Amino acid sequence: AVGTRLPNPWGLYDMHGNVLEWCYDWHGAYPGGNVTDPTGLASGSYRVFRGGGWSLDGRYCRSAGRGGDVPSGRSLVLGFRVALVPVP
């Protein structure tokens, strides 16, 4: 059930450990130096996935964990997070 464990330091619940999550970004090397609000690649062959899945060691269950796969890639530990923007 959602929220059955303690929140992370930012007050968010259940952010890690279920499945690696697809992101909309194209995968590629980060630019050097400090970047604020990077836009990412305009196109590519691989989409980004982040986080950590149930089959991975705990050290890999973090938001900064990042990989890439073809958009048609499938795995038992690769999924997505359903999100809803609240309507004011």
C-alpha atoms as a PDB file:
ATOM      1  CA  ALA A   1       0.000   0.000   0.000  1.00  0.00           C
ATOM      2  CA  VAL A   2       1.189   3.519  -0.735  1.00  0.00           C
ATOM      3  CA  GLY A   3       2.637   5.410   2.206  1.00  0.00           C
ATOM      4  CA  THR A   4       3.135   2.409   4.506  1.00  0.00           C
ATOM      5  CA  ARG A   5       6.848   3.183   4.940  1.00  0.00           C
ATOM      6  CA  LEU A   6       8.574   6.358   6.079  1.00  0.00           C
ATOM      7  CA  PRO A   7       8.971   9.189   3.547  1.00  0.00           C
ATOM      8  CA  ASN A   8      12.365  10.112   2.111  1.00  0.00           C
ATOM      9  CA  PRO A   9      14.150  13.316   3.280  1.00  0.00           C
ATOM     10  CA  TRP A  10      11.970  15.405   0.902  1.00  0.00           C
ATOM     11  CA  GLY A  11       8.702  14.002   2.259  1.00  0.00           C
ATOM     12  CA  LEU A  12       8.010  11.771  -0.761  1.00  0.00           C
ATOM     13  CA  TYR A  13       6.753   8.217  -0.376  1.00  0.00           C
ATOM     14  CA  ASP A  14       7.477   5.040  -2.340  1.00  0.00           C
ATOM     15  CA  MET A  15       9.961   6.518  -4.797  1.00  0.00           C
ATOM     16  CA  HIS A  16      12.360   3.557  -5.095  1.00  0.00           C
ATOM     17  CA  GLY A  17      12.482  -0.191  -5.301  1.00  0.00           C
ATOM     18  CA  ASN A  18       9.501  -1.225  -7.404  1.00  0.00           C
ATOM     19  CA  VAL A  19      10.663  -1.163 -11.033  1.00  0.00           C
ATOM     20  CA  LEU A  20      13.079   0.860 -13.124  1.00  0.00           C
ATOM     21  CA  GLU A  21      10.965   3.641 -14.602  1.00  0.00           C
ATOM     22  CA  TRP A  22      10.847   4.824 -18.203  1.00  0.00           C
ATOM     23  CA  CYS A  23      11.445   8.535 -18.710  1.00  0.00           C
ATOM     24  CA  TYR A  24      10.560  10.639 -21.732  1.00  0.00           C
ATOM     25  CA  ASP A  25      14.182  11.801 -22.193  1.00  0.00           C
ATOM     26  CA  TRP A  26      16.494  10.416 -24.850  1.00  0.00           C
ATOM     27  CA  HIS A  27      19.605   8.746 -23.417  1.00  0.00           C
ATOM     28  CA  GLY A  28      23.000  10.315 -24.039  1.00  0.00           C
ATOM     29  CA  ALA A  29      26.082  11.703 -22.354  1.00  0.00           C
ATOM     30  CA  TYR A  30      25.629  14.610 -19.988  1.00  0.00           C
ATOM     31  CA  PRO A  31      27.383  17.869 -20.914  1.00  0.00           C
ATOM     32  CA  GLY A  32      30.424  18.781 -18.848  1.00  0.00           C
ATOM     33  CA  GLY A  33      30.189  21.306 -16.035  1.00  0.00           C
ATOM     34  CA  ASN A  34      27.248  22.556 -14.019  1.00  0.00           C
ATOM     35  CA  VAL A  35      23.954  22.803 -15.881  1.00  0.00           C
ATOM     36  CA  THR A  36      20.678  24.259 -14.610  1.00  0.00           C
ATOM     37  CA  ASP A  37      17.478  22.855 -16.144  1.00  0.00           C
ATOM     38  CA  PRO A  38      19.137  20.832 -18.926  1.00  0.00           C
ATOM     39  CA  THR A  39      16.949  20.113 -21.930  1.00  0.00           C
ATOM     40  CA  GLY A  40      18.431  16.754 -22.928  1.00  0.00           C
ATOM     41  CA  LEU A  41      18.851  15.386 -26.420  1.00  0.00           C
ATOM     42  CA  ALA A  42      16.300  16.262 -29.121  1.00  0.00           C
ATOM     43  CA  SER A  43      16.320  12.694 -30.478  1.00  0.00           C
ATOM     44  CA  GLY A  44      18.115   9.381 -30.145  1.00  0.00           C
ATOM     45  CA  SER A  45      17.864   5.610 -30.236  1.00  0.00           C
ATOM     46  CA  TYR A  46      17.514   4.927 -26.508  1.00  0.00           C
ATOM     47  CA  ARG A  47      15.079   6.298 -23.929  1.00  0.00           C
ATOM     48  CA  VAL A  48      16.175   6.872 -20.337  1.00  0.00           C
ATOM     49  CA  PHE A  49      15.081   4.720 -17.428  1.00  0.00           C
ATOM     50  CA  ARG A  50      15.761   5.640 -13.800  1.00  0.00           C
ATOM     51  CA  GLY A  51      15.475   4.357 -10.282  1.00  0.00           C
ATOM     52  CA  GLY A  52      15.861   0.826  -9.028  1.00  0.00           C
ATOM     53  CA  GLY A  53      13.869  -2.355  -9.347  1.00  0.00           C
ATOM     54  CA  TRP A  54      13.013  -5.097  -6.902  1.00  0.00           C
ATOM     55  CA  SER A  55      15.727  -7.371  -8.314  1.00  0.00           C
ATOM     56  CA  LEU A  56      18.569  -4.868  -7.868  1.00  0.00           C
ATOM     57  CA  ASP A  57      20.886  -4.323  -4.925  1.00  0.00           C
ATOM     58  CA  GLY A  58      19.842  -1.385  -2.705  1.00  0.00           C
ATOM     59  CA  ARG A  59      22.767   0.778  -3.817  1.00  0.00           C
ATOM     60  CA  TYR A  60      21.170   0.959  -7.280  1.00  0.00           C
ATOM     61  CA  CYS A  61      17.744   2.010  -5.972  1.00  0.00           C
ATOM     62  CA  ARG A  62      18.169   5.743  -6.333  1.00  0.00           C
ATOM     63  CA  SER A  63      16.765   8.434  -8.600  1.00  0.00           C
ATOM     64  CA  ALA A  64      20.219   9.276  -9.933  1.00  0.00           C
ATOM     65  CA  GLY A  65      20.567   5.729 -11.252  1.00  0.00           C
ATOM     66  CA  ARG A  66      20.178   6.051 -15.015  1.00  0.00           C
ATOM     67  CA  GLY A  67      20.310   3.766 -18.019  1.00  0.00           C
ATOM     68  CA  GLY A  68      18.870   3.497 -21.485  1.00  0.00           C
ATOM     69  CA  ASP A  69      17.092   1.042 -23.740  1.00  0.00           C
ATOM     70  CA  VAL A  70      15.276   1.027 -27.057  1.00  0.00           C
ATOM     71  CA  PRO A  71      11.714   2.349 -26.651  1.00  0.00           C
ATOM     72  CA  SER A  72      10.333  -1.102 -27.465  1.00  0.00           C
ATOM     73  CA  GLY A  73      12.487  -2.703 -24.730  1.00  0.00           C
ATOM     74  CA  ARG A  74      10.702  -4.993 -22.279  1.00  0.00           C
ATOM     75  CA  SER A  75      11.761  -6.348 -18.896  1.00  0.00           C
ATOM     76  CA  LEU A  76      10.248  -7.708 -15.685  1.00  0.00           C
ATOM     77  CA  VAL A  77      11.930  -4.847 -13.821  1.00  0.00           C
ATOM     78  CA  LEU A  78      11.110  -1.999 -16.243  1.00  0.00           C
ATOM     79  CA  GLY A  79       7.853  -0.069 -16.044  1.00  0.00           C
ATOM     80  CA  PHE A  80       6.489   3.423 -15.582  1.00  0.00           C
ATOM     81  CA  ARG A  81       4.996   5.648 -12.897  1.00  0.00           C
ATOM     82  CA  VAL A  82       1.486   6.903 -13.431  1.00  0.00           C
ATOM     83  CA  ALA A  83       1.295  10.596 -12.545  1.00  0.00           C
ATOM     84  CA  LEU A  84      -1.583  13.032 -12.398  1.00  0.00           C
ATOM     85  CA  VAL A  85      -1.367  16.798 -12.423  1.00  0.00           C
ATOM     86  CA  PRO A  86      -3.996  18.174 -10.039  1.00  0.00           C
ATOM     87  CA  VAL A  87      -6.521  20.512 -11.609  1.00  0.00           C
ATOM     88  CA  PRO A  88      -6.857  23.753  -9.611  1.00  0.00           C
END
